[in-house]
Structures are given as structure tokens and as C-alpha cells.
Amino acid sequence: MRCKNHLTTLKKKTPIKKAVQRIRQVSSKRQRQNQAYLIMRKMFLEAHERCEKCGGVATDLHHKRLRGEYFLDSTTFAALCRPCHDWVHRNPKEAKKQGWLIRGK
């Protein structure tokens, strides 16, 4: 059983406030790009069922170039399985040598 002093000190403590993160709103332009991307992603993965790196089942659409201006550029897409996609991002130097990451213009 707790003593009264302990209970009163518990009541006096101020509750910890959690930081509230607001979800960023997406512009209407980006919403249209995201919708187009989802369609392109689905079509690309249907056409490329095998991982281009290991031959397993492709589950991820990898962007060889940064997604900014190349977000909807299917020439920069690669169909990869999750382990290969993880490998590409964990080993950027080796992935760049093998052509899985392309930087610059």
C-alpha cells in the first residue's frame, strides 16, 4: 500500500505533453502526380513481374534517379523485390556502380 505523501506527489506532477505532428497537406498538383504514379506503378509491376536484380518476385518500384523531376519517368523505373530494393539503398556506392542508382543529369 502506498503512503499518502506518495499519492499527493503523484497528483502534483504535470502530465507530459506529447508533441503533435501535423500531417502536411499535399498540393493539388502533387495529388494528381501521386494518382498517376499509382497507376503507372501498378502497370509497370504487372509488366515486370520479376526482380531485375535477382529474378525473384518483384514487389517494389525503384526509381534509379531521384524522384523529384523523374517521379513519373518510367525510363528510370526498375522492378525489384524488397530485399534487393533494401540492398540498393543500404549500399549506394555499389548500387551506383551496378547502375541501380543514377545521380546527376
Protein backbone atom coordinates (compact mmCIF):
# COMPACT_ATOMS: atom_id res chain seq x y z
CA MET A 1 0.00 0.00 0.00
CA ARG A 2 1.28 3.46 -0.83
CA CYS A 3 1.57 6.22 1.66
CA LYS A 4 -0.50 9.41 1.39
CA ASN A 5 2.59 11.54 0.68
CA HIS A 6 3.42 9.46 -2.36
CA LEU A 7 -0.11 9.79 -3.74
CA THR A 8 -0.14 13.56 -3.28
CA THR A 9 3.19 13.93 -5.07
CA LEU A 10 1.83 11.84 -7.94
CA LYS A 11 -1.16 14.14 -8.26
CA LYS A 12 1.03 17.26 -8.32
CA LYS A 13 3.11 16.13 -11.28
CA THR A 14 2.14 17.76 -14.52
CA PRO A 15 1.27 15.43 -17.36
CA ILE A 16 3.81 15.06 -20.10
CA LYS A 17 2.64 16.78 -23.25
CA LYS A 18 3.21 14.84 -26.42
CA ALA A 19 4.32 16.70 -29.49
CA VAL A 20 1.58 16.76 -32.05
CA GLN A 21 2.81 16.45 -35.59
CA ARG A 22 0.53 17.78 -38.24
CA ILE A 23 0.26 15.89 -41.48
CA ARG A 24 1.42 18.06 -44.34
CA GLN A 25 -1.18 18.81 -46.91
CA VAL A 26 -0.35 17.80 -50.44
CA SER A 27 -0.84 20.28 -53.25
CA SER A 28 -3.43 19.51 -55.92
CA LYS A 29 -0.59 19.16 -58.45
CA ARG A 30 1.15 16.57 -56.26
CA GLN A 31 -2.15 14.76 -55.69
CA ARG A 32 -2.55 14.37 -59.46
CA GLN A 33 1.06 13.16 -59.75
CA ASN A 34 0.52 10.64 -56.93
CA GLN A 35 -2.62 9.29 -58.62
CA ALA A 36 -0.82 8.97 -61.94
CA TYR A 37 2.15 7.32 -60.19
CA LEU A 38 -0.04 4.67 -58.55
CA ILE A 39 -1.48 3.73 -61.94
CA MET A 40 1.96 3.69 -63.58
CA ARG A 41 3.41 1.65 -60.69
CA LYS A 42 0.69 -0.97 -60.98
CA MET A 43 1.08 -1.25 -64.76
CA PHE A 44 4.88 -1.39 -64.54
CA LEU A 45 4.89 -4.14 -61.91
CA GLU A 46 2.30 -6.13 -63.89
CA ALA A 47 4.54 -5.91 -66.95
CA HIS A 48 7.72 -6.65 -64.96
CA GLU A 49 6.79 -9.46 -62.56
CA ARG A 50 10.38 -10.49 -61.85
CA CYS A 51 13.04 -8.62 -59.87
CA GLU A 52 15.50 -7.16 -62.33
CA LYS A 53 18.38 -7.83 -59.92
CA CYS A 54 17.84 -11.38 -58.65
CA GLY A 55 14.90 -12.79 -60.63
CA GLY A 56 12.59 -13.14 -57.61
CA VAL A 57 9.05 -11.78 -57.45
CA ALA A 58 9.08 -8.01 -57.95
CA THR A 59 7.18 -6.11 -55.28
CA ASP A 60 8.77 -2.65 -55.34
CA LEU A 61 9.11 0.03 -57.95
CA HIS A 62 12.58 1.55 -57.62
CA HIS A 63 13.49 4.96 -59.03
CA LYS A 64 17.03 4.86 -60.39
CA ARG A 65 17.11 8.66 -60.44
CA LEU A 66 15.85 10.95 -57.72
CA ARG A 67 12.08 11.06 -57.67
CA GLY A 68 11.74 14.84 -57.99
CA GLU A 69 11.59 15.61 -61.70
CA TYR A 70 11.80 11.90 -62.61
CA PHE A 71 8.84 10.87 -60.41
CA LEU A 72 6.70 9.86 -63.41
CA ASP A 73 9.53 8.99 -65.82
CA SER A 74 9.15 5.27 -66.49
CA THR A 75 12.60 5.12 -68.11
CA THR A 76 14.07 5.47 -64.60
CA PHE A 77 11.92 2.71 -63.07
CA ALA A 78 13.19 -0.71 -62.02
CA ALA A 79 11.14 -3.62 -60.68
CA LEU A 80 12.83 -5.05 -57.58
CA CYS A 81 11.97 -7.42 -54.76
CA ARG A 82 12.03 -5.94 -51.24
CA PRO A 83 15.43 -7.44 -50.24
CA CYS A 84 17.11 -6.14 -53.41
CA HIS A 85 15.47 -2.73 -53.02
CA ASP A 86 16.72 -2.56 -49.43
CA TRP A 87 20.20 -3.60 -50.62
CA VAL A 88 20.27 -0.81 -53.22
CA HIS A 89 19.56 1.82 -50.56
CA ARG A 90 21.91 0.32 -47.96
CA ASN A 91 24.80 0.08 -50.45
CA PRO A 92 24.59 3.23 -52.58
CA LYS A 93 28.19 3.16 -53.83
CA GLU A 94 27.96 -0.42 -55.08
CA ALA A 95 24.44 0.17 -56.42
CA LYS A 96 25.67 3.19 -58.36
CA LYS A 97 28.48 1.09 -59.90
CA GLN A 98 25.92 -1.52 -60.96
CA GLY A 99 23.55 1.10 -62.41
CA TRP A 100 20.78 0.85 -59.81
CA LEU A 101 21.30 4.49 -58.77
CA ILE A 102 21.93 7.27 -61.25
CA ARG A 103 22.88 10.67 -59.91
CA GLY A 104 23.07 13.91 -61.85
CA LYS A 105 21.81 14.65 -65.33
